[in-house]
C-alpha cells in the first residue's frame, strides 16, 4: 500500500519492524486493543472490568460527562437547547469564549443521512447560530460527499484541534468518527435515532478525550429514544457484538446478485375490502371536547441531567424547555381559519360550532396556545368525530396468492444488492445447502443484524419448522408479501416487510419480526405490529414480535412462554 493509504498504526508497526530488523531481530506479532477489546467476536470482560469507563473518568484519564435528555421536542427545539446550553457553558465566538490549551471548544452534531443534514439539520443549526449572534463561519460540515465536503472542509476538519481553528459546530453523518482524536470536542448532540444502536455509544465517546491538566466536563445531548439506547449500552458494560461495534459504512460491503427460486414461492393470504361511509351529523349545543381531561405535561418539552457514571440517577430537577417551541399564539380569528382549512368548512360555520361547544373559542384557545400540537392531535380530530359518523362495511374475505419474490426485470439475471459479508448467507454454502429446500426463495439472505442471523441459524434445522423464509431484505417492490400500515408520525400509508415467514410442521404459519428490546414500545413498531396482527389473524396466521434478546431461542420454545401458539 502507498504511504497515504496506510493507517497511523500500520506506519508505527512498520517503523518498529525496520528498527528491530536493523538490530538483528523482528516483529513477530502485534496485539492491538483499542476501545472495547474483542477476540473472535467475544468481549474480553477481564479487560473491561479491570479498567472500565467509570474508572477512566474517576482517575481523570477522560473528561467527566453530563447527559441531557430532551423530551417532547422537535428537531429545532432540541438544537436550540443544545447550542444555547453549550454557548452558556463555554462562551461565544468572541473574546468571551473560553479556550482550552488555546483552542475553542467544539460540538459535534450527528445526522442520520446526508439528505436529513442538508434539508433539515444544517438550515436549523444555521438559524440557531444566527439567533445566538455567532458568525456563520463557526459551522463546518463533513459528510464524506465531495459535493458538500471539499478539500477546504477536510483541511479544516483535520485542523480542528489547533489554536487557529475558529470552528465551533461540526455536522457529521453516518458514523461515530472512530479514531477521531479531537480533544477540544466538548459536546455531542444526537436527535434522530440511528439505525445502529452502537452509533449512539460511539458518538457519545467522542467528546471524552482529556484536555488541560484539570479534568474538564463534556456534555451529551440526546432525545429520549437515544438516551434509552445509551443507558442500555452503558448498563450492559459494552457487551456488544463486533459487528455492531464496527462502523456500519459501505466500505466492508460486497455486491451480490440474488437469483430467484424456480418454481417461484407463493403464500396464500386472506384479504378483505372495507368501505367507509361518512354521514354528517349536528352536534348538540354544549357538546364537549373533553379538554379538561388532558394532561398538559404530555406536551411539555423537558430536560434532565445525569452523570455518565451513574446515568440512571438524575441530578437536580427537570427543566421546562417549552419556551423553545416555535408555537403560534392563535387569536380567535386564526383558530377559526385553521380549523376551517382542515375540516373544509366555511369559517362562519366553524365559528358557530366552536361557540356552541362547552369550552367555547376562548376555552379552546387556552389549551391550543399551551402547545399547538393539541390543536392538531386533539381538537381537530374530536371536532371531526362530533360532525361525522363513520360506518364500516366489510366485504367477503378473499383468498389471494402472494409472490414471496417477483421475477427480476426482463434482461436481468437477478437482484443486485450490497451486503455485509458477515451478515450474508448463501444456499450454496455447505452449512446451509442441506436445508436449501426448507428456505431460500432467493439464492442468499442479507440480514440486518446479528440477532436475525442467529435466529435463522438456530431455526433452519428445527424439526418443528417445515419452511422458514427471510422476507425482510427485498424492500423496493421485489416482493408482494408486505403489510401496509399508517405511520404514526406522518399519518402516511407505508409498506412494512416483516423479517421472517415460517410454516410449521402442523400447517400453521408465523410472521416473525426480530426487534431490538429498546425498540419494542416505539410507536412505529407498535403501528406495524397492529396492522400485521390484523393481516395475520385474517389469514389464520400468528404475528410474533420477538425481542432480539430472545433470538437465541427455538421459536416453539419462545411461543410456549407467550401462551398457546395457535
Protein backbone atom coordinates (compact mmCIF):
# COMPACT_ATOMS: atom_id res chain seq x y z
CA UNK A 1 0.00 0.00 0.00
CA UNK A 2 1.18 3.53 -0.63
CA UNK A 3 2.11 5.82 2.25
CA UNK A 4 -1.15 7.83 2.18
CA UNK A 5 -3.41 4.76 2.40
CA UNK A 6 -1.68 3.37 5.50
CA UNK A 7 -3.10 3.98 8.93
CA UNK A 8 -1.01 5.55 11.67
CA UNK A 9 -0.98 2.15 13.41
CA UNK A 10 0.36 0.45 10.27
CA UNK A 11 3.08 3.08 9.88
CA UNK A 12 4.06 2.70 13.55
CA UNK A 13 4.37 -1.07 13.23
CA UNK A 14 6.41 -0.76 10.03
CA UNK A 15 8.77 1.74 11.66
CA UNK A 16 9.26 -0.51 14.68
CA UNK A 17 9.85 -3.51 12.41
CA UNK A 18 12.50 -1.61 10.45
CA UNK A 19 14.31 -0.52 13.63
CA UNK A 20 14.20 -4.04 15.10
CA UNK A 21 15.41 -5.57 11.85
CA UNK A 22 18.46 -3.32 11.99
CA UNK A 23 19.33 -4.76 15.42
CA UNK A 24 19.03 -8.36 14.25
CA UNK A 25 15.51 -9.17 15.46
CA UNK A 26 12.00 -8.72 14.07
CA UNK A 27 8.33 -8.11 14.89
CA UNK A 28 6.54 -11.42 15.40
CA UNK A 29 3.01 -10.19 16.13
CA UNK A 30 1.06 -7.10 17.09
CA UNK A 31 -1.84 -7.25 19.52
CA UNK A 32 -3.87 -4.06 19.36
CA UNK A 33 -6.66 -3.44 21.89
CA UNK A 34 -8.37 -0.08 21.44
CA UNK A 35 -11.80 0.91 22.64
CA UNK A 36 -13.54 -2.27 23.75
CA UNK A 37 -11.39 -5.40 23.20
CA UNK A 38 -12.81 -8.42 21.39
CA UNK A 39 -11.37 -11.79 20.41
CA UNK A 40 -13.35 -13.95 17.94
CA UNK A 41 -16.40 -11.72 18.40
CA UNK A 42 -16.36 -12.21 22.17
CA UNK A 43 -15.84 -9.41 24.65
CA UNK A 44 -12.84 -9.81 26.98
CA UNK A 45 -14.60 -8.92 30.24
CA UNK A 46 -11.47 -9.03 32.38
CA UNK A 47 -10.07 -6.07 30.43
CA UNK A 48 -13.25 -4.04 30.67
CA UNK A 49 -13.88 -4.75 34.32
CA UNK A 50 -10.22 -4.29 35.29
CA UNK A 51 -10.27 -0.79 33.86
CA UNK A 52 -13.77 0.36 32.99
CA UNK A 53 -15.06 3.61 31.56
CA UNK A 54 -16.12 4.59 35.07
CA UNK A 55 -12.54 4.07 36.36
CA UNK A 56 -11.07 6.03 33.45
CA UNK A 57 -13.26 9.02 34.31
CA UNK A 58 -12.68 8.66 38.04
CA UNK A 59 -8.90 8.60 37.53
CA UNK A 60 -9.04 11.68 35.28
CA UNK A 61 -7.87 9.99 32.08
CA UNK A 62 -11.07 11.20 30.42
CA UNK A 63 -13.41 14.15 30.77
CA UNK A 64 -16.41 13.74 33.01
CA UNK A 65 -19.70 13.97 31.12
CA UNK A 66 -23.22 15.20 31.66
CA UNK A 67 -26.06 13.64 29.68
CA UNK A 68 -29.12 15.74 28.92
CA UNK A 69 -32.22 14.04 27.55
CA UNK A 70 -34.87 16.23 25.95
CA UNK A 71 -38.48 15.04 25.87
CA UNK A 72 -41.31 16.01 23.50
CA UNK A 73 -39.07 18.35 21.47
CA UNK A 74 -38.86 18.64 17.74
CA UNK A 75 -35.53 18.99 15.96
CA UNK A 76 -35.31 22.80 16.07
CA UNK A 77 -36.28 22.96 19.74
CA UNK A 78 -33.74 20.27 20.58
CA UNK A 79 -31.00 22.17 18.74
CA UNK A 80 -31.93 25.48 20.38
CA UNK A 81 -31.49 23.98 23.83
CA UNK A 82 -28.28 22.11 22.94
CA UNK A 83 -26.46 25.03 21.28
CA UNK A 84 -27.66 27.61 23.80
CA UNK A 85 -26.50 25.44 26.72
CA UNK A 86 -23.15 24.81 25.03
CA UNK A 87 -22.53 28.53 24.49
CA UNK A 88 -23.58 29.31 28.08
CA UNK A 89 -21.03 26.78 29.32
CA UNK A 90 -18.14 27.77 27.05
CA UNK A 91 -18.82 31.29 25.84
CA UNK A 92 -19.49 32.66 22.39
CA UNK A 93 -17.14 33.15 19.47
CA UNK A 94 -15.62 36.47 20.58
CA UNK A 95 -13.35 37.42 23.45
CA UNK A 96 -15.79 35.89 25.94
CA UNK A 97 -15.15 32.39 24.54
CA UNK A 98 -13.27 30.13 26.93
CA UNK A 99 -10.24 28.48 25.35
CA UNK A 100 -8.66 25.21 26.44
CA UNK A 101 -4.94 24.94 25.69
CA UNK A 102 -5.58 27.87 23.38
CA UNK A 103 -8.32 26.00 21.44
CA UNK A 104 -12.00 26.83 21.08
CA UNK A 105 -14.37 24.15 22.47
CA UNK A 106 -16.47 22.40 19.83
CA UNK A 107 -19.74 20.50 19.49
CA UNK A 108 -20.40 17.59 17.10
CA UNK A 109 -23.99 17.30 15.82
CA UNK A 110 -24.82 14.00 14.16
CA UNK A 111 -27.41 13.34 11.47
CA UNK A 112 -28.75 10.00 10.22
CA UNK A 113 -28.50 10.78 6.49
CA UNK A 114 -26.97 13.35 4.16
CA UNK A 115 -30.47 14.27 2.98
CA UNK A 116 -31.61 14.97 6.54
CA UNK A 117 -28.49 17.07 7.15
CA UNK A 118 -28.85 19.22 4.04
CA UNK A 119 -32.63 19.67 4.16
CA UNK A 120 -33.28 19.90 7.90
CA UNK A 121 -30.31 19.86 10.25
CA UNK A 122 -27.98 22.38 8.57
CA UNK A 123 -30.66 25.06 7.98
CA UNK A 124 -31.86 24.70 11.56
CA UNK A 125 -28.35 24.92 13.02
CA UNK A 126 -27.66 27.99 10.87
CA UNK A 127 -30.85 29.57 12.20
CA UNK A 128 -29.89 28.92 15.84
CA UNK A 129 -26.34 30.16 15.26
CA UNK A 130 -27.81 33.42 13.91
CA UNK A 131 -30.13 33.69 16.93
CA UNK A 132 -27.13 33.29 19.25
CA UNK A 133 -25.24 36.05 17.45
CA UNK A 134 -22.48 33.74 16.21
CA UNK A 135 -20.79 34.02 12.80
CA UNK A 136 -21.73 31.55 10.07
CA UNK A 137 -18.04 30.66 9.75
CA UNK A 138 -18.16 28.75 13.06
CA UNK A 139 -20.03 25.90 11.29
CA UNK A 140 -18.27 23.02 9.49
CA UNK A 141 -19.87 20.17 7.51
CA UNK A 142 -18.09 16.83 6.98
CA UNK A 143 -20.30 14.18 5.38
CA UNK A 144 -17.96 12.25 3.08
CA UNK A 145 -19.66 13.63 -0.04
CA UNK A 146 -17.35 15.69 -2.25
CA UNK A 147 -20.26 17.89 -3.33
CA UNK A 148 -20.77 19.03 0.27
CA UNK A 149 -17.34 18.47 1.81
CA UNK A 150 -14.46 19.66 -0.35
CA UNK A 151 -10.70 19.84 0.26
CA UNK A 152 -11.05 23.06 2.28
CA UNK A 153 -13.55 21.46 4.66
CA UNK A 154 -11.38 18.36 5.02
CA UNK A 155 -8.39 20.57 5.85
CA UNK A 156 -10.49 22.47 8.41
CA UNK A 157 -11.68 19.20 9.92
CA UNK A 158 -8.14 17.89 10.30
CA UNK A 159 -7.03 21.10 11.98
CA UNK A 160 -9.92 21.37 14.48
CA UNK A 161 -7.53 20.63 17.34
CA UNK A 162 -5.45 23.74 16.72
CA UNK A 163 -5.35 27.27 18.08
CA UNK A 164 -6.08 28.64 14.61
CA UNK A 165 -9.40 26.83 14.17
CA UNK A 166 -12.47 29.06 14.59
CA UNK A 167 -15.00 26.25 14.16
CA UNK A 168 -17.49 25.57 16.95
CA UNK A 169 -20.17 23.26 15.48
CA UNK A 170 -19.34 20.25 13.28
CA UNK A 171 -22.13 18.49 11.38
CA UNK A 172 -21.44 14.81 10.71
CA UNK A 173 -23.32 11.95 9.06
CA UNK A 174 -23.49 8.21 9.37
CA UNK A 175 -20.74 7.21 11.75
CA UNK A 176 -19.22 7.97 15.12
CA UNK A 177 -15.89 9.09 13.61
CA UNK A 178 -13.96 6.19 15.12
CA UNK A 179 -10.42 7.21 15.99
CA UNK A 180 -11.30 10.92 15.73
CA UNK A 181 -8.99 12.31 18.39
CA UNK A 182 -10.34 15.84 18.83
CA UNK A 183 -9.52 16.78 22.40
CA UNK A 184 -11.23 20.18 22.07
CA UNK A 185 -14.56 18.45 21.36
CA UNK A 186 -16.68 19.15 24.44
CA UNK A 187 -20.21 18.24 23.36
CA UNK A 188 -22.19 15.84 21.18
CA UNK A 189 -25.82 16.19 20.05
CA UNK A 190 -27.87 13.38 18.53
CA UNK A 191 -31.60 13.85 17.94
CA UNK A 192 -32.68 11.30 15.32
CA UNK A 193 -32.44 7.66 16.30
CA UNK A 194 -29.79 5.99 14.11
CA UNK A 195 -30.12 2.55 12.52
CA UNK A 196 -27.40 1.05 14.71
CA UNK A 197 -27.56 1.46 18.48
CA UNK A 198 -23.76 1.20 18.74
CA UNK A 199 -23.63 4.51 16.84
CA UNK A 200 -25.05 6.27 19.90
CA UNK A 201 -22.28 4.89 22.07
CA UNK A 202 -19.55 5.69 19.53
CA UNK A 203 -20.80 9.25 19.03
CA UNK A 204 -21.06 9.82 22.78
CA UNK A 205 -17.50 8.73 23.46
CA UNK A 206 -16.07 11.30 21.02
CA UNK A 207 -16.27 14.19 23.49
CA UNK A 208 -14.49 12.47 26.40
CA UNK A 209 -10.88 12.95 25.25
CA UNK A 210 -8.85 14.58 28.01
CA UNK A 211 -7.64 18.19 27.66
CA UNK A 212 -5.69 20.50 30.05
CA UNK A 213 -4.13 19.29 33.33
CA UNK A 214 -7.50 19.82 35.03
CA UNK A 215 -10.33 17.37 34.36
CA UNK A 216 -12.90 19.05 32.13
CA UNK A 217 -16.54 18.11 31.51
CA UNK A 218 -18.17 17.05 28.26
CA UNK A 219 -21.89 17.31 27.56
CA UNK A 220 -24.06 14.86 25.62
CA UNK A 221 -27.48 15.99 24.34
CA UNK A 222 -29.89 13.20 23.37
CA UNK A 223 -33.51 12.63 22.52
CA UNK A 224 -35.35 10.32 24.92
CA UNK A 225 -35.02 7.41 22.47
CA UNK A 226 -31.25 7.82 22.13
CA UNK A 227 -30.91 8.31 25.89
CA UNK A 228 -32.55 4.91 26.45
CA UNK A 229 -30.19 3.31 23.91
CA UNK A 230 -27.12 4.83 25.60
CA UNK A 231 -28.40 3.79 29.01
CA UNK A 232 -28.84 0.19 27.87
CA UNK A 233 -25.36 0.08 26.34
CA UNK A 234 -23.66 1.52 29.40
CA UNK A 235 -25.57 -0.76 31.76
CA UNK A 236 -24.52 -3.73 29.64
CA UNK A 237 -20.89 -2.59 30.13
CA UNK A 238 -20.28 -2.59 26.38
CA UNK A 239 -21.34 -6.20 25.87
CA UNK A 240 -21.84 -5.80 22.11
CA UNK A 241 -21.03 -7.95 19.08
CA UNK A 242 -18.03 -6.94 17.00
CA UNK A 243 -20.36 -6.42 14.01
CA UNK A 244 -22.32 -3.78 15.92
CA UNK A 245 -19.19 -2.21 17.35
CA UNK A 246 -17.56 -1.63 13.98
CA UNK A 247 -18.57 1.20 11.70
CA UNK A 248 -21.60 0.46 9.56
CA UNK A 249 -20.38 2.14 6.40
CA UNK A 250 -20.30 0.57 2.96
CA UNK A 251 -16.52 0.09 2.86
CA UNK A 252 -16.76 -3.51 4.06
CA UNK A 253 -19.78 -4.40 1.93
CA UNK A 254 -19.77 -6.51 -1.20
CA UNK A 255 -22.06 -6.65 -4.23
CA UNK A 256 -24.01 -9.86 -4.86
CA UNK A 257 -26.66 -10.86 -7.36
CA UNK A 258 -29.54 -12.89 -5.94
CA UNK A 259 -31.32 -15.32 -8.24
CA UNK A 260 -34.91 -16.41 -7.66
CA UNK A 261 -36.05 -19.96 -6.97
CA UNK A 262 -37.84 -21.97 -9.66
CA UNK A 263 -40.72 -22.54 -9.40
CA UNK A 264 -41.49 -19.31 -7.53
CA UNK A 265 -42.74 -19.44 -3.92
CA UNK A 266 -46.30 -18.28 -3.26
CA UNK A 267 -48.04 -17.70 0.04
CA UNK A 268 -51.83 -17.55 0.42
CA UNK A 269 -53.29 -14.73 2.49
CA UNK A 270 -56.84 -13.56 3.12
CA UNK A 271 -57.76 -10.06 2.01
CA UNK A 272 -60.97 -8.28 2.93
CA UNK A 273 -62.06 -4.98 1.41
CA UNK A 274 -63.55 -2.41 3.75
CA UNK A 275 -65.72 0.52 2.66
CA UNK A 276 -66.13 3.58 4.89
CA UNK A 277 -69.25 5.71 4.79
CA UNK A 278 -69.20 9.24 6.17
CA UNK A 279 -72.52 10.62 7.48
CA UNK A 280 -72.86 14.22 8.66
CA UNK A 281 -74.49 14.96 12.00
CA UNK A 282 -75.26 18.07 14.04
CA UNK A 283 -73.60 18.26 17.47
CA UNK A 284 -75.83 19.11 20.40
CA UNK A 285 -75.46 22.57 21.87
CA UNK A 286 -72.89 22.49 24.65
CA UNK A 287 -71.12 19.38 23.33
CA UNK A 288 -67.75 18.86 25.00
CA UNK A 289 -64.29 18.25 23.52
CA UNK A 290 -63.26 16.98 26.98
CA UNK A 291 -60.12 19.08 27.02
CA UNK A 292 -60.21 19.27 30.80
CA UNK A 293 -59.18 15.59 30.83
CA UNK A 294 -55.91 16.32 29.01
CA UNK A 295 -52.59 16.05 30.85
CA UNK A 296 -50.70 19.17 29.81
CA UNK A 297 -47.41 17.63 30.98
CA UNK A 298 -47.55 15.32 27.95
CA UNK A 299 -46.88 18.38 25.80
CA UNK A 300 -44.09 19.95 27.86
CA UNK A 301 -40.56 19.89 26.46
CA UNK A 302 -38.35 18.92 29.37
CA UNK A 303 -34.72 18.08 30.04
CA UNK A 304 -32.92 16.41 32.91
CA UNK A 305 -29.25 15.81 33.60
CA UNK A 306 -27.29 12.89 34.96
CA UNK A 307 -23.67 11.90 35.29
CA UNK A 308 -22.35 9.44 32.70
CA UNK A 309 -21.01 7.25 35.52
CA UNK A 310 -24.48 6.93 37.05
CA UNK A 311 -26.79 7.60 34.14
CA UNK A 312 -29.92 6.23 35.84
CA UNK A 313 -29.86 8.90 38.55
CA UNK A 314 -30.96 12.37 37.51
CA UNK A 315 -29.21 15.32 39.13
CA UNK A 316 -31.35 18.28 40.11
CA UNK A 317 -34.84 18.85 38.86
CA UNK A 318 -36.48 18.65 35.47
CA UNK A 319 -36.16 21.80 33.36
CA UNK A 320 -39.10 23.03 31.31
CA UNK A 321 -37.95 23.97 27.80
CA UNK A 322 -41.41 24.57 26.32
CA UNK A 323 -40.47 28.20 25.63
CA UNK A 324 -38.14 26.95 22.92
CA UNK A 325 -41.08 25.96 20.74
CA UNK A 326 -41.88 27.98 17.68
CA UNK A 327 -45.59 27.75 18.52
CA UNK A 328 -48.03 30.27 17.13
CA UNK A 329 -50.13 32.31 19.53
CA UNK A 330 -53.54 31.80 17.95
CA UNK A 331 -56.14 34.53 18.01
CA UNK A 332 -59.85 33.60 17.72
CA UNK A 333 -59.79 34.54 14.02
CA UNK A 334 -56.66 32.47 13.35
CA UNK A 335 -58.09 29.49 15.23
CA UNK A 336 -61.29 29.52 13.21
CA UNK A 337 -59.40 29.85 9.91
CA UNK A 338 -57.03 26.95 10.70
CA UNK A 339 -59.82 24.59 11.76
CA UNK A 340 -61.90 25.57 8.70
CA UNK A 341 -58.94 24.68 6.48
CA UNK A 342 -58.70 21.16 7.96
CA UNK A 343 -62.44 20.45 8.14
CA UNK A 344 -63.09 22.00 4.70
CA UNK A 345 -65.95 24.06 6.09
CA UNK A 346 -66.98 27.70 6.00
CA UNK A 347 -65.23 29.79 8.69
CA UNK A 348 -68.67 31.09 9.73
CA UNK A 349 -69.84 27.50 10.30
CA UNK A 350 -66.68 26.71 12.26
CA UNK A 351 -67.03 29.81 14.41
CA UNK A 352 -70.62 28.86 15.26
CA UNK A 353 -69.51 25.29 16.01
CA UNK A 354 -66.80 26.43 18.43
CA UNK A 355 -69.12 28.91 20.13
CA UNK A 356 -71.64 26.11 20.73
CA UNK A 357 -69.07 23.86 22.36
CA UNK A 358 -68.77 23.58 26.13
CA UNK A 359 -65.28 25.08 26.05
CA UNK A 360 -66.05 27.89 23.61
CA UNK A 361 -63.45 29.60 21.46
CA UNK A 362 -61.72 31.20 24.46
CA UNK A 363 -61.50 27.90 26.32
CA UNK A 364 -60.07 26.08 23.30
CA UNK A 365 -57.52 28.87 22.80
CA UNK A 366 -56.21 28.39 26.35
CA UNK A 367 -55.24 24.82 25.51
CA UNK A 368 -54.06 25.41 21.92
CA UNK A 369 -51.74 28.24 22.98
CA UNK A 370 -50.12 26.00 25.58
CA UNK A 371 -48.99 23.70 22.78
CA UNK A 372 -50.09 23.91 19.14
CA UNK A 373 -49.94 20.11 18.90
CA UNK A 374 -53.14 19.99 20.96
CA UNK A 375 -54.98 21.67 18.08
CA UNK A 376 -53.87 19.11 15.51
CA UNK A 377 -53.79 15.99 17.67
CA UNK A 378 -56.84 16.57 19.89
CA UNK A 379 -59.14 19.46 18.93
CA UNK A 380 -59.48 18.92 15.16
CA UNK A 381 -59.92 15.09 15.37
CA UNK A 382 -62.56 15.46 18.10
CA UNK A 383 -64.42 18.13 16.15
CA UNK A 384 -64.40 15.79 13.14
CA UNK A 385 -65.93 12.99 15.23
CA UNK A 386 -68.54 15.44 16.54
CA UNK A 387 -69.52 16.37 12.98
CA UNK A 388 -69.48 12.95 11.32
CA UNK A 389 -70.34 9.34 11.94
CA UNK A 390 -68.12 6.83 10.21
CA UNK A 391 -69.61 3.48 9.29
CA UNK A 392 -67.60 0.50 8.11
CA UNK A 393 -68.80 -2.13 5.65
CA UNK A 394 -66.67 -5.25 5.33
CA UNK A 395 -66.62 -7.25 2.13
CA UNK A 396 -66.32 -11.01 1.94
CA UNK A 397 -62.86 -12.43 2.65
CA UNK A 398 -60.93 -13.34 -0.48
CA UNK A 399 -58.01 -15.76 -0.74
CA UNK A 400 -55.09 -14.19 -2.63
CA UNK A 401 -51.76 -15.71 -3.65
CA UNK A 402 -48.74 -13.51 -2.97
CA UNK A 403 -45.29 -13.94 -4.53
CA UNK A 404 -42.51 -14.02 -1.94
CA UNK A 405 -40.22 -12.67 -4.66
CA UNK A 406 -41.11 -11.41 -8.11
CA UNK A 407 -39.19 -12.31 -11.21
CA UNK A 408 -36.39 -9.78 -11.88
CA UNK A 409 -36.89 -7.25 -14.70
CA UNK A 410 -36.50 -8.53 -18.23
CA UNK A 411 -32.88 -8.87 -19.24
CA UNK A 412 -31.58 -9.13 -15.67
CA UNK A 413 -30.41 -12.39 -14.13
CA UNK A 414 -31.40 -11.42 -10.60
CA UNK A 415 -31.47 -8.66 -8.00
CA UNK A 416 -28.13 -6.95 -7.33
CA UNK A 417 -27.70 -5.64 -3.78
CA UNK A 418 -24.94 -4.53 -1.40
CA UNK A 419 -24.46 -6.80 1.61
CA UNK A 420 -22.35 -7.07 4.72
CA UNK A 421 -20.46 -10.36 4.24
CA UNK A 422 -20.65 -11.06 7.99
CA UNK A 423 -24.45 -10.97 7.77
CA UNK A 424 -24.89 -12.70 4.41
CA UNK A 425 -25.60 -16.42 3.91
CA UNK A 426 -25.93 -18.37 0.66
CA UNK A 427 -27.77 -21.60 -0.03
CA UNK A 428 -24.61 -22.86 -1.78
CA UNK A 429 -22.61 -22.80 1.48
CA UNK A 430 -22.19 -26.32 2.97
CA UNK A 431 -23.70 -25.18 6.27
CA UNK A 432 -26.97 -24.23 4.53
CA UNK A 433 -27.09 -26.33 1.36
CA UNK A 434 -28.55 -29.38 3.11
CA UNK A 435 -31.52 -27.24 4.18
CA UNK A 436 -32.00 -25.27 0.93
CA UNK A 437 -35.38 -26.90 0.26
CA UNK A 438 -36.65 -25.60 3.60
CA UNK A 439 -35.72 -21.99 2.82
CA UNK A 440 -34.04 -19.67 0.30
CA UNK A 441 -36.72 -18.34 -2.02
CA UNK A 442 -33.73 -16.34 -3.34
CA UNK A 443 -30.17 -17.67 -3.52
CA UNK A 444 -28.97 -15.81 -0.45
CA UNK A 445 -30.17 -13.81 2.53
CA UNK A 446 -28.70 -10.49 3.70
CA UNK A 447 -29.63 -9.95 7.34
CA UNK A 448 -29.82 -6.57 9.03
CA UNK A 449 -28.48 -7.67 12.40
CA UNK A 450 -26.72 -10.42 14.30
CA UNK A 451 -29.88 -11.48 16.20
CA UNK A 452 -31.75 -12.04 12.91
CA UNK A 453 -28.91 -14.23 11.62
CA UNK A 454 -28.73 -16.13 14.93
CA UNK A 455 -32.49 -16.78 14.81
CA UNK A 456 -32.23 -18.12 11.25
CA UNK A 457 -29.27 -20.39 12.00
CA UNK A 458 -30.96 -21.85 15.07
CA UNK A 459 -34.36 -22.46 13.49
CA UNK A 460 -33.33 -23.58 9.98
CA UNK A 461 -32.72 -27.19 11.16
CA UNK A 462 -35.59 -27.02 13.68
CA UNK A 463 -37.73 -30.16 13.31
CA UNK A 464 -40.85 -28.20 14.27
CA UNK A 465 -40.45 -25.99 11.19
CA UNK A 466 -41.33 -27.04 7.65
CA UNK A 467 -40.29 -23.83 5.87
CA UNK A 468 -38.50 -20.65 7.02
CA UNK A 469 -38.03 -17.69 4.66
CA UNK A 470 -36.27 -14.41 5.40
CA UNK A 471 -38.59 -11.80 3.92
CA UNK A 472 -37.22 -8.54 5.34
CA UNK A 473 -34.50 -7.69 2.82
CA UNK A 474 -36.24 -7.03 -0.52
CA UNK A 475 -37.99 -3.76 0.24
CA UNK A 476 -38.13 -1.98 -3.12
CA UNK A 477 -41.02 -3.63 -4.92
CA UNK A 478 -39.39 -7.05 -5.41
CA UNK A 479 -42.00 -8.86 -3.27
CA UNK A 480 -45.77 -8.95 -2.86
CA UNK A 481 -45.52 -10.07 0.77
CA UNK A 482 -45.84 -6.87 2.80
CA UNK A 483 -48.05 -5.18 5.38
CA UNK A 484 -49.50 -1.73 4.80
CA UNK A 485 -49.74 0.45 7.89
CA UNK A 486 -50.33 4.08 8.87
CA UNK A 487 -47.14 5.78 10.06
CA UNK A 488 -47.96 7.44 13.42
CA UNK A 489 -45.51 10.30 12.81
CA UNK A 490 -46.55 11.35 9.31
CA UNK A 491 -50.01 9.68 9.08
CA UNK A 492 -48.85 8.40 5.68
CA UNK A 493 -49.55 4.94 4.27
CA UNK A 494 -46.34 2.89 4.30
CA UNK A 495 -45.23 -0.64 3.47
CA UNK A 496 -43.69 -2.90 6.10
CA UNK A 497 -41.69 -6.03 5.27
CA UNK A 498 -41.57 -8.44 8.25
CA UNK A 499 -38.34 -10.34 8.88
CA UNK A 500 -39.48 -13.98 8.65
CA UNK A 501 -42.33 -16.10 7.34
CA UNK A 502 -42.41 -19.57 8.91
CA UNK A 503 -44.54 -22.59 8.06
CA UNK A 504 -44.72 -25.05 10.96
CA UNK A 505 -44.97 -28.81 10.51
CA UNK A 506 -48.51 -28.68 11.91
CA UNK A 507 -49.57 -26.42 9.00
CA UNK A 508 -49.74 -23.13 10.92
CA UNK A 509 -47.89 -20.01 9.71
CA UNK A 510 -45.94 -17.47 11.75
CA UNK A 511 -44.90 -13.95 10.76
CA UNK A 512 -41.87 -13.12 12.91
CA UNK A 513 -40.22 -9.74 13.45
CA UNK A 514 -36.93 -9.63 15.39
CA UNK A 515 -36.64 -6.23 17.08
CA UNK A 516 -34.18 -4.66 19.50
CA UNK A 517 -35.55 -4.69 23.06
CA UNK A 518 -35.28 -0.90 23.28
CA UNK A 519 -37.48 -0.56 20.15
CA UNK A 520 -40.40 -2.75 21.24
CA UNK A 521 -42.50 0.16 22.54
CA UNK A 522 -41.59 2.55 19.72
CA UNK A 523 -44.80 3.99 18.16
CA UNK A 524 -43.79 2.89 14.64
CA UNK A 525 -43.02 -0.64 15.88
CA UNK A 526 -46.41 -0.79 17.58
CA UNK A 527 -48.19 0.50 14.45
CA UNK A 528 -46.53 -2.20 12.35
CA UNK A 529 -47.50 -4.80 14.95
CA UNK A 530 -51.14 -3.65 14.97
CA UNK A 531 -51.61 -3.90 11.21
CA UNK A 532 -49.53 -7.06 10.81
CA UNK A 533 -51.55 -8.75 13.57
CA UNK A 534 -54.80 -7.87 11.76
CA UNK A 535 -53.50 -9.33 8.50
CA UNK A 536 -52.18 -12.43 10.24
CA UNK A 537 -55.45 -13.05 12.10
CA UNK A 538 -57.47 -12.76 8.89
CA UNK A 539 -55.15 -15.31 7.23
CA UNK A 540 -55.14 -17.69 10.21
CA UNK A 541 -51.52 -16.88 10.91
CA UNK A 542 -49.82 -15.56 14.02
CA UNK A 543 -47.70 -12.42 14.24
CA UNK A 544 -44.77 -12.62 16.66
CA UNK A 545 -42.75 -9.59 17.77
CA UNK A 546 -39.57 -11.25 19.03
CA UNK A 547 -37.16 -9.25 21.25
CA UNK A 548 -33.60 -9.57 19.97
CA UNK A 549 -32.56 -10.78 23.44
CA UNK A 550 -34.77 -13.86 22.79
CA UNK A 551 -33.50 -14.54 19.26
CA UNK A 552 -31.32 -17.36 20.60
CA UNK A 553 -34.41 -19.49 21.35
CA UNK A 554 -36.15 -22.01 19.13
CA UNK A 555 -39.39 -20.42 18.06
CA UNK A 556 -41.66 -23.04 19.66
CA UNK A 557 -39.90 -22.58 23.00
CA UNK A 558 -40.43 -18.82 22.86
CA UNK A 559 -44.10 -19.25 21.92
CA UNK A 560 -44.60 -21.65 24.83
CA UNK A 561 -43.64 -18.81 27.18
CA UNK A 562 -46.14 -16.48 25.48
CA UNK A 563 -49.20 -18.72 25.73
CA UNK A 564 -50.84 -21.04 23.25
CA UNK A 565 -49.10 -20.91 19.86
CA UNK A 566 -52.36 -21.32 17.97
